[in-house]
Amino acid sequence: MSNTIVIVGGGVSGITSAYLLSKSKGNTVTVVAKHMPGDYDIEYASPFAGANVLPMNSDADSRWERRTWPELEWLCKNVPEAGIHFKTAALS
């Protein structure tokens, strides 16, 4: 079965989603965006954007963490230019 997927937005989340979805067989992924990585424009934050990810699901084996965390961990360890760093969070 073939899936046709359209991602709206070429920022950090859109490009990451498109990349991960494209790795699954049978997916055809198209990104529709005014700006794409490599663009420098006042309307496009991604060359300067940052994000914090803190898993919120109390289930240690949730689908979200099981599928996304290994990708983030791999990027952190193997692609320093991605700018991903793990930090310990203090939960109170």
PDB file of N, CA and C in Angstrom:
ATOM      1  N   MET A   1       0.845  -1.184   0.000  1.00  0.00           N
ATOM      2  CA  MET A   1       0.000   0.000   0.000  1.00  0.00           C
ATOM      3  C   MET A   1       0.886   1.240   0.000  1.00  0.00           C
ATOM      4  N   SER A   2       0.567   2.184  -0.849  1.00  0.00           N
ATOM      5  CA  SER A   2       1.328   3.416  -0.966  1.00  0.00           C
ATOM      6  C   SER A   2       0.613   4.551  -0.239  1.00  0.00           C
ATOM      7  N   ASN A   3       1.370   5.325   0.527  1.00  0.00           N
ATOM      8  CA  ASN A   3       0.821   6.486   1.233  1.00  0.00           C
ATOM      9  C   ASN A   3       1.377   7.744   0.596  1.00  0.00           C
ATOM     10  N   THR A   4       0.507   8.677   0.251  1.00  0.00           N
ATOM     11  CA  THR A   4       0.917   9.978  -0.231  1.00  0.00           C
ATOM     12  C   THR A   4       0.724  10.959   0.915  1.00  0.00           C
ATOM     13  N   ILE A   5       1.826  11.577   1.348  1.00  0.00           N
ATOM     14  CA  ILE A   5       1.800  12.445   2.523  1.00  0.00           C
ATOM     15  C   ILE A   5       2.277  13.831   2.117  1.00  0.00           C
ATOM     16  N   VAL A   6       1.542  14.859   2.527  1.00  0.00           N
ATOM     17  CA  VAL A   6       1.929  16.241   2.279  1.00  0.00           C
ATOM     18  C   VAL A   6       2.218  16.890   3.623  1.00  0.00           C
ATOM     19  N   ILE A   7       3.405  17.447   3.755  1.00  0.00           N
ATOM     20  CA  ILE A   7       3.815  18.170   4.956  1.00  0.00           C
ATOM     21  C   ILE A   7       3.732  19.654   4.635  1.00  0.00           C
ATOM     22  N   VAL A   8       3.014  20.404   5.445  1.00  0.00           N
ATOM     23  CA  VAL A   8       2.898  21.846   5.250  1.00  0.00           C
ATOM     24  C   VAL A   8       3.863  22.527   6.211  1.00  0.00           C
ATOM     25  N   GLY A   9       4.893  23.139   5.661  1.00  0.00           N
ATOM     26  CA  GLY A   9       5.887  23.845   6.453  1.00  0.00           C
ATOM     27  C   GLY A   9       7.252  23.215   6.331  1.00  0.00           C
ATOM     28  N   GLY A  10       8.262  24.042   6.094  1.00  0.00           N
ATOM     29  CA  GLY A  10       9.623  23.560   5.912  1.00  0.00           C
ATOM     30  C   GLY A  10      10.534  23.919   7.060  1.00  0.00           C
ATOM     31  N   GLY A  11       9.957  24.088   8.235  1.00  0.00           N
ATOM     32  CA  GLY A  11      10.773  24.378   9.408  1.00  0.00           C
ATOM     33  C   GLY A  11      11.323  23.103  10.022  1.00  0.00           C
ATOM     34  N   VAL A  12      11.842  23.236  11.232  1.00  0.00           N
ATOM     35  CA  VAL A  12      12.456  22.107  11.923  1.00  0.00           C
ATOM     36  C   VAL A  12      11.499  20.928  12.015  1.00  0.00           C
ATOM     37  N   SER A  13      10.288  21.156  12.471  1.00  0.00           N
ATOM     38  CA  SER A  13       9.324  20.067  12.644  1.00  0.00           C
ATOM     39  C   SER A  13       8.880  19.476  11.319  1.00  0.00           C
ATOM     40  N   GLY A  14       8.607  20.325  10.329  1.00  0.00           N
ATOM     41  CA  GLY A  14       8.143  19.836   9.040  1.00  0.00           C
ATOM     42  C   GLY A  14       9.187  19.008   8.315  1.00  0.00           C
ATOM     43  N   ILE A  15      10.419  19.491   8.272  1.00  0.00           N
ATOM     44  CA  ILE A  15      11.483  18.771   7.571  1.00  0.00           C
ATOM     45  C   ILE A  15      11.817  17.474   8.298  1.00  0.00           C
ATOM     46  N   THR A  16      11.850  17.514   9.632  1.00  0.00           N
ATOM     47  CA  THR A  16      12.122  16.298  10.402  1.00  0.00           C
ATOM     48  C   THR A  16      11.028  15.269  10.179  1.00  0.00           C
ATOM     49  N   SER A  17       9.775  15.707  10.209  1.00  0.00           N
ATOM     50  CA  SER A  17       8.658  14.793   9.964  1.00  0.00           C
ATOM     51  C   SER A  17       8.746  14.191   8.566  1.00  0.00           C
ATOM     52  N   ALA A  18       9.040  15.020   7.578  1.00  0.00           N
ATOM     53  CA  ALA A  18       9.142  14.531   6.204  1.00  0.00           C
ATOM     54  C   ALA A  18      10.262  13.500   6.081  1.00  0.00           C
ATOM     55  N   TYR A  19      11.388  13.782   6.698  1.00  0.00           N
ATOM     56  CA  TYR A  19      12.523  12.855   6.644  1.00  0.00           C
ATOM     57  C   TYR A  19      12.165  11.505   7.260  1.00  0.00           C
ATOM     58  N   LEU A  20      11.597  11.536   8.456  1.00  0.00           N
ATOM     59  CA  LEU A  20      11.279  10.278   9.136  1.00  0.00           C
ATOM     60  C   LEU A  20      10.198   9.503   8.384  1.00  0.00           C
ATOM     61  N   LEU A  21       9.191  10.192   7.875  1.00  0.00           N
ATOM     62  CA  LEU A  21       8.144   9.508   7.112  1.00  0.00           C
ATOM     63  C   LEU A  21       8.681   8.930   5.805  1.00  0.00           C
ATOM     64  N   SER A  22       9.655   9.603   5.204  1.00  0.00           N
ATOM     65  CA  SER A  22      10.206   9.126   3.931  1.00  0.00           C
ATOM     66  C   SER A  22      11.023   7.849   4.101  1.00  0.00           C
ATOM     67  N   LYS A  23      11.459   7.559   5.316  1.00  0.00           N
ATOM     68  CA  LYS A  23      12.250   6.357   5.566  1.00  0.00           C
ATOM     69  C   LYS A  23      11.400   5.085   5.547  1.00  0.00           C
ATOM     70  N   SER A  24      10.092   5.219   5.672  1.00  0.00           N
ATOM     71  CA  SER A  24       9.202   4.052   5.648  1.00  0.00           C
ATOM     72  C   SER A  24       8.848   3.704   4.209  1.00  0.00           C
ATOM     73  N   LYS A  25       8.966   2.436   3.866  1.00  0.00           N
ATOM     74  CA  LYS A  25       8.634   1.997   2.515  1.00  0.00           C
ATOM     75  C   LYS A  25       7.175   2.295   2.201  1.00  0.00           C
ATOM     76  N   GLY A  26       6.935   2.711   0.983  1.00  0.00           N
ATOM     77  CA  GLY A  26       5.575   2.958   0.533  1.00  0.00           C
ATOM     78  C   GLY A  26       5.104   4.384   0.739  1.00  0.00           C
ATOM     79  N   ASN A  27       5.911   5.225   1.402  1.00  0.00           N
ATOM     80  CA  ASN A  27       5.518   6.618   1.607  1.00  0.00           C
ATOM     81  C   ASN A  27       6.107   7.502   0.519  1.00  0.00           C
ATOM     82  N   THR A  28       5.263   8.337  -0.066  1.00  0.00           N
ATOM     83  CA  THR A  28       5.702   9.409  -0.952  1.00  0.00           C
ATOM     84  C   THR A  28       5.426  10.695  -0.201  1.00  0.00           C
ATOM     85  N   VAL A  29       6.478  11.462   0.070  1.00  0.00           N
ATOM     86  CA  VAL A  29       6.349  12.653   0.912  1.00  0.00           C
ATOM     87  C   VAL A  29       6.670  13.904   0.093  1.00  0.00           C
ATOM     88  N   THR A  30       5.802  14.903   0.206  1.00  0.00           N
ATOM     89  CA  THR A  30       6.006  16.198  -0.430  1.00  0.00           C
ATOM     90  C   THR A  30       5.942  17.270   0.645  1.00  0.00           C
ATOM     91  N   VAL A  31       6.899  18.200   0.607  1.00  0.00           N
ATOM     92  CA  VAL A  31       6.905  19.329   1.539  1.00  0.00           C
ATOM     93  C   VAL A  31       6.475  20.568   0.770  1.00  0.00           C
ATOM     94  N   VAL A  32       5.464  21.254   1.286  1.00  0.00           N
ATOM     95  CA  VAL A  32       4.976  22.497   0.696  1.00  0.00           C
ATOM     96  C   VAL A  32       5.282  23.607   1.697  1.00  0.00           C
ATOM     97  N   ALA A  33       6.073  24.589   1.266  1.00  0.00           N
ATOM     98  CA  ALA A  33       6.465  25.657   2.177  1.00  0.00           C
ATOM     99  C   ALA A  33       6.884  26.898   1.406  1.00  0.00           C
ATOM    100  N   LYS A  34       6.711  28.029   2.024  1.00  0.00           N
ATOM    101  CA  LYS A  34       7.179  29.276   1.427  1.00  0.00           C
ATOM    102  C   LYS A  34       8.703  29.341   1.483  1.00  0.00           C
ATOM    103  N   HIS A  35       9.273  28.834   2.595  1.00  0.00           N
ATOM    104  CA  HIS A  35      10.724  28.841   2.778  1.00  0.00           C
ATOM    105  C   HIS A  35      11.190  27.433   3.128  1.00  0.00           C
ATOM    106  N   MET A  36      12.394  27.099   2.682  1.00  0.00           N
ATOM    107  CA  MET A  36      12.971  25.781   2.918  1.00  0.00           C
ATOM    108  C   MET A  36      14.348  25.935   3.564  1.00  0.00           C
ATOM    109  N   PRO A  37      14.879  24.837   4.140  1.00  0.00           N
ATOM    110  CA  PRO A  37      16.219  24.921   4.738  1.00  0.00           C
ATOM    111  C   PRO A  37      17.221  25.516   3.752  1.00  0.00           C
ATOM    112  N   GLY A  38      18.047  26.384   4.269  1.00  0.00           N
ATOM    113  CA  GLY A  38      19.011  27.094   3.433  1.00  0.00           C
ATOM    114  C   GLY A  38      18.564  28.503   3.112  1.00  0.00           C
ATOM    115  N   ASP A  39      17.259  28.766   3.230  1.00  0.00           N
ATOM    116  CA  ASP A  39      16.743  30.118   3.004  1.00  0.00           C
ATOM    117  C   ASP A  39      17.050  30.987   4.219  1.00  0.00           C
ATOM    118  N   TYR A  40      17.413  32.216   3.965  1.00  0.00           N
ATOM    119  CA  TYR A  40      17.572  33.200   5.035  1.00  0.00           C
ATOM    120  C   TYR A  40      16.601  34.328   4.747  1.00  0.00           C
ATOM    121  N   ASP A  41      15.566  34.413   5.558  1.00  0.00           N
ATOM    122  CA  ASP A  41      14.516  35.396   5.359  1.00  0.00           C
ATOM    123  C   ASP A  41      13.956  35.760   6.723  1.00  0.00           C
ATOM    124  N   ILE A  42      13.545  36.970   6.907  1.00  0.00           N
ATOM    125  CA  ILE A  42      12.991  37.423   8.178  1.00  0.00           C
ATOM    126  C   ILE A  42      11.748  36.620   8.575  1.00  0.00           C
ATOM    127  N   GLU A  43      11.075  36.037   7.588  1.00  0.00           N
ATOM    128  CA  GLU A  43       9.867  35.253   7.863  1.00  0.00           C
ATOM    129  C   GLU A  43      10.159  33.797   8.220  1.00  0.00           C
ATOM    130  N   TYR A  44      11.422  33.376   8.107  1.00  0.00           N
ATOM    131  CA  TYR A  44      11.772  31.973   8.293  1.00  0.00           C
ATOM    132  C   TYR A  44      12.705  31.835   9.483  1.00  0.00           C
ATOM    133  N   ALA A  45      12.216  31.217  10.538  1.00  0.00           N
ATOM    134  CA  ALA A  45      12.974  31.127  11.783  1.00  0.00           C
ATOM    135  C   ALA A  45      13.940  29.948  11.834  1.00  0.00           C
ATOM    136  N   SER A  46      13.760  28.934  11.013  1.00  0.00           N
ATOM    137  CA  SER A  46      14.506  27.692  11.198  1.00  0.00           C
ATOM    138  C   SER A  46      16.024  27.802  11.180  1.00  0.00           C
ATOM    139  N   PRO A  47      16.650  28.691  10.410  1.00  0.00           N
ATOM    140  CA  PRO A  47      18.102  28.763  10.518  1.00  0.00           C
ATOM    141  C   PRO A  47      18.559  29.187  11.924  1.00  0.00           C
ATOM    142  N   PHE A  48      17.645  29.751  12.698  1.00  0.00           N
ATOM    143  CA  PHE A  48      17.985  30.264  14.019  1.00  0.00           C
ATOM    144  C   PHE A  48      17.148  29.621  15.118  1.00  0.00           C
ATOM    145  N   ALA A  49      16.274  28.697  14.749  1.00  0.00           N
ATOM    146  CA  ALA A  49      15.308  28.149  15.699  1.00  0.00           C
ATOM    147  C   ALA A  49      15.958  27.150  16.646  1.00  0.00           C
ATOM    148  N   GLY A  50      15.369  27.030  17.791  1.00  0.00           N
ATOM    149  CA  GLY A  50      15.776  26.025  18.760  1.00  0.00           C
ATOM    150  C   GLY A  50      14.538  25.383  19.341  1.00  0.00           C
ATOM    151  N   ALA A  51      14.725  24.276  19.993  1.00  0.00           N
ATOM    152  CA  ALA A  51      13.584  23.593  20.579  1.00  0.00           C
ATOM    153  C   ALA A  51      14.043  22.802  21.799  1.00  0.00           C
ATOM    154  N   ASN A  52      13.123  22.612  22.697  1.00  0.00           N
ATOM    155  CA  ASN A  52      13.338  21.735  23.836  1.00  0.00           C
ATOM    156  C   ASN A  52      12.327  20.614  23.727  1.00  0.00           C
ATOM    157  N   VAL A  53      12.781  19.389  23.896  1.00  0.00           N
ATOM    158  CA  VAL A  53      11.888  18.241  23.856  1.00  0.00           C
ATOM    159  C   VAL A  53      11.948  17.568  25.213  1.00  0.00           C
ATOM    160  N   LEU A  54      10.812  17.478  25.851  1.00  0.00           N
ATOM    161  CA  LEU A  54      10.705  16.796  27.132  1.00  0.00           C
ATOM    162  C   LEU A  54       9.528  15.847  27.032  1.00  0.00           C
ATOM    163  N   PRO A  55       9.800  14.541  26.949  1.00  0.00           N
ATOM    164  CA  PRO A  55       8.691  13.589  26.833  1.00  0.00           C
ATOM    165  C   PRO A  55       7.706  13.756  27.980  1.00  0.00           C
ATOM    166  N   MET A  56       6.434  13.785  27.639  1.00  0.00           N
ATOM    167  CA  MET A  56       5.402  14.024  28.647  1.00  0.00           C
ATOM    168  C   MET A  56       4.589  12.776  28.955  1.00  0.00           C
ATOM    169  N   ASN A  57       4.734  11.737  28.154  1.00  0.00           N
ATOM    170  CA  ASN A  57       3.950  10.529  28.345  1.00  0.00           C
ATOM    171  C   ASN A  57       4.514   9.740  29.521  1.00  0.00           C
ATOM    172  N   SER A  58       3.676   9.387  30.457  1.00  0.00           N
ATOM    173  CA  SER A  58       4.138   8.639  31.632  1.00  0.00           C
ATOM    174  C   SER A  58       4.425   7.180  31.301  1.00  0.00           C
ATOM    175  N   ASP A  59       3.952   6.701  30.163  1.00  0.00           N
ATOM    176  CA  ASP A  59       4.207   5.334  29.727  1.00  0.00           C
ATOM    177  C   ASP A  59       5.610   5.272  29.116  1.00  0.00           C
ATOM    178  N   ALA A  60       6.529   4.552  29.769  1.00  0.00           N
ATOM    179  CA  ALA A  60       7.920   4.510  29.309  1.00  0.00           C
ATOM    180  C   ALA A  60       8.054   3.921  27.910  1.00  0.00           C
ATOM    181  N   ASP A  61       7.086   3.145  27.475  1.00  0.00           N
ATOM    182  CA  ASP A  61       7.158   2.522  26.160  1.00  0.00           C
ATOM    183  C   ASP A  61       6.099   3.110  25.226  1.00  0.00           C
ATOM    184  N   SER A  62       5.847   4.398  25.347  1.00  0.00           N
ATOM    185  CA  SER A  62       4.831   5.014  24.494  1.00  0.00           C
ATOM    186  C   SER A  62       5.298   5.025  23.042  1.00  0.00           C
ATOM    187  N   ARG A  63       4.365   5.026  22.128  1.00  0.00           N
ATOM    188  CA  ARG A  63       4.673   5.009  20.706  1.00  0.00           C
ATOM    189  C   ARG A  63       5.520   6.212  20.312  1.00  0.00           C
ATOM    190  N   TRP A  64       5.235   7.382  20.852  1.00  0.00           N
ATOM    191  CA  TRP A  64       5.971   8.597  20.499  1.00  0.00           C
ATOM    192  C   TRP A  64       7.449   8.477  20.850  1.00  0.00           C
ATOM    193  N   GLU A  65       7.736   8.138  22.103  1.00  0.00           N
ATOM    194  CA  GLU A  65       9.129   8.047  22.518  1.00  0.00           C
ATOM    195  C   GLU A  65       9.847   6.889  21.836  1.00  0.00           C
ATOM    196  N   ARG A  66       9.170   5.787  21.640  1.00  0.00           N
ATOM    197  CA  ARG A  66       9.783   4.613  21.025  1.00  0.00           C
ATOM    198  C   ARG A  66      10.226   4.904  19.593  1.00  0.00           C
ATOM    199  N   ARG A  67       9.519   5.779  18.896  1.00  0.00           N
ATOM    200  CA  ARG A  67       9.832   6.053  17.486  1.00  0.00           C
ATOM    201  C   ARG A  67      10.706   7.285  17.288  1.00  0.00           C
ATOM    202  N   THR A  68      10.576   8.285  18.152  1.00  0.00           N
ATOM    203  CA  THR A  68      11.311   9.526  17.919  1.00  0.00           C
ATOM    204  C   THR A  68      12.620   9.621  18.699  1.00  0.00           C
ATOM    205  N   TRP A  69      12.631   9.099  19.912  1.00  0.00           N
ATOM    206  CA  TRP A  69      13.822   9.257  20.744  1.00  0.00           C
ATOM    207  C   TRP A  69      15.068   8.643  20.116  1.00  0.00           C
ATOM    208  N   PRO A  70      15.007   7.430  19.536  1.00  0.00           N
ATOM    209  CA  PRO A  70      16.213   6.882  18.907  1.00  0.00           C
ATOM    210  C   PRO A  70      16.764   7.766  17.786  1.00  0.00           C
ATOM    211  N   GLU A  71      15.898   8.424  17.043  1.00  0.00           N
ATOM    212  CA  GLU A  71      16.353   9.330  15.980  1.00  0.00           C
ATOM    213  C   GLU A  71      17.083  10.533  16.570  1.00  0.00           C
ATOM    214  N   LEU A  72      16.513  11.121  17.614  1.00  0.00           N
ATOM    215  CA  LEU A  72      17.165  12.261  18.262  1.00  0.00           C
ATOM    216  C   LEU A  72      18.504  11.845  18.878  1.00  0.00           C
ATOM    217  N   GLU A  73      18.516  10.686  19.519  1.00  0.00           N
ATOM    218  CA  GLU A  73      19.752  10.190  20.136  1.00  0.00           C
ATOM    219  C   GLU A  73      20.833   9.957  19.080  1.00  0.00           C
ATOM    220  N   TRP A  74      20.455   9.364  17.944  1.00  0.00           N
ATOM    221  CA  TRP A  74      21.416   9.118  16.872  1.00  0.00           C
ATOM    222  C   TRP A  74      21.983  10.435  16.345  1.00  0.00           C
ATOM    223  N   LEU A  75      21.107  11.397  16.099  1.00  0.00           N
ATOM    224  CA  LEU A  75      21.573  12.706  15.620  1.00  0.00           C
ATOM    225  C   LEU A  75      22.505  13.365  16.634  1.00  0.00           C
ATOM    226  N   CYS A  76      22.159  13.276  17.897  1.00  0.00           N
ATOM    227  CA  CYS A  76      22.974  13.879  18.954  1.00  0.00           C
ATOM    228  C   CYS A  76      24.383  13.285  18.960  1.00  0.00           C
ATOM    229  N   LYS A  77      24.477  11.979  18.828  1.00  0.00           N
ATOM    230  CA  LYS A  77      25.767  11.286  18.914  1.00  0.00           C
ATOM    231  C   LYS A  77      26.579  11.329  17.625  1.00  0.00           C
ATOM    232  N   ASN A  78      25.911  11.385  16.472  1.00  0.00           N
ATOM    233  CA  ASN A  78      26.610  11.197  15.209  1.00  0.00           C
ATOM    234  C   ASN A  78      26.656  12.404  14.280  1.00  0.00           C
ATOM    235  N   VAL A  79      25.846  13.417  14.546  1.00  0.00           N
ATOM    236  CA  VAL A  79      25.792  14.570  13.636  1.00  0.00           C
ATOM    237  C   VAL A  79      25.899  15.852  14.469  1.00  0.00           C
ATOM    238  N   PRO A  80      27.107  16.201  14.899  1.00  0.00           N
ATOM    239  CA  PRO A  80      27.257  17.379  15.770  1.00  0.00           C
ATOM    240  C   PRO A  80      26.749  18.667  15.143  1.00  0.00           C
ATOM    241  N   GLU A  81      26.818  18.766  13.814  1.00  0.00           N
ATOM    242  CA  GLU A  81      26.348  19.997  13.166  1.00  0.00           C
ATOM    243  C   GLU A  81      24.833  20.159  13.247  1.00  0.00           C
ATOM    244  N   ALA A  82      24.119  19.101  13.664  1.00  0.00           N
ATOM    245  CA  ALA A  82      22.670  19.221  13.870  1.00  0.00           C
ATOM    246  C   ALA A  82      22.363  20.101  15.076  1.00  0.00           C
ATOM    247  N   GLY A  83      23.332  20.251  15.968  1.00  0.00           N
ATOM    248  CA  GLY A  83      23.152  21.132  17.127  1.00  0.00           C
ATOM    249  C   GLY A  83      22.240  20.560  18.190  1.00  0.00           C
ATOM    250  N   ILE A  84      22.095  19.237  18.241  1.00  0.00           N
ATOM    251  CA  ILE A  84      21.233  18.597  19.236  1.00  0.00           C
ATOM    252  C   ILE A  84      22.082  18.169  20.424  1.00  0.00           C
ATOM    253  N   HIS A  85      21.644  18.544  21.602  1.00  0.00           N
ATOM    254  CA  HIS A  85      22.374  18.218  22.828  1.00  0.00           C
ATOM    255  C   HIS A  85      21.389  17.715  23.868  1.00  0.00           C
ATOM    256  N   PHE A  86      21.767  16.662  24.582  1.00  0.00           N
ATOM    257  CA  PHE A  86      20.933  16.169  25.676  1.00  0.00           C
ATOM    258  C   PHE A  86      21.296  16.924  26.948  1.00  0.00           C
ATOM    259  N   LYS A  87      20.304  17.300  27.700  1.00  0.00           N
ATOM    260  CA  LYS A  87      20.458  17.962  28.993  1.00  0.00           C
ATOM    261  C   LYS A  87      19.556  17.247  29.994  1.00  0.00           C
ATOM    262  N   THR A  88      19.959  17.225  31.228  1.00  0.00           N
ATOM    263  CA  THR A  88      19.136  16.638  32.284  1.00  0.00           C
ATOM    264  C   THR A  88      18.145  17.696  32.757  1.00  0.00           C
ATOM    265  N   ALA A  89      16.907  17.305  32.879  1.00  0.00           N
ATOM    266  CA  ALA A  89      15.864  18.232  33.338  1.00  0.00           C
ATOM    267  C   ALA A  89      15.485  17.881  34.762  1.00  0.00           C
ATOM    268  N   ALA A  90      15.353  18.898  35.569  1.00  0.00           N
ATOM    269  CA  ALA A  90      14.898  18.702  36.945  1.00  0.00           C
ATOM    270  C   ALA A  90      13.378  18.863  36.977  1.00  0.00           C
ATOM    271  N   LEU A  91      12.695  17.805  37.316  1.00  0.00           N
ATOM    272  CA  LEU A  91      11.245  17.859  37.396  1.00  0.00           C
ATOM    273  C   LEU A  91      10.840  18.046  38.847  1.00  0.00           C
ATOM    274  N   SER A  92       9.974  19.000  39.069  1.00  0.00           N
ATOM    275  CA  SER A  92       9.547  19.230  40.456  1.00  0.00           C
ATOM    276  C   SER A  92       8.065  19.115  40.588  1.00  0.00           C
TER     277      SER A  92
END
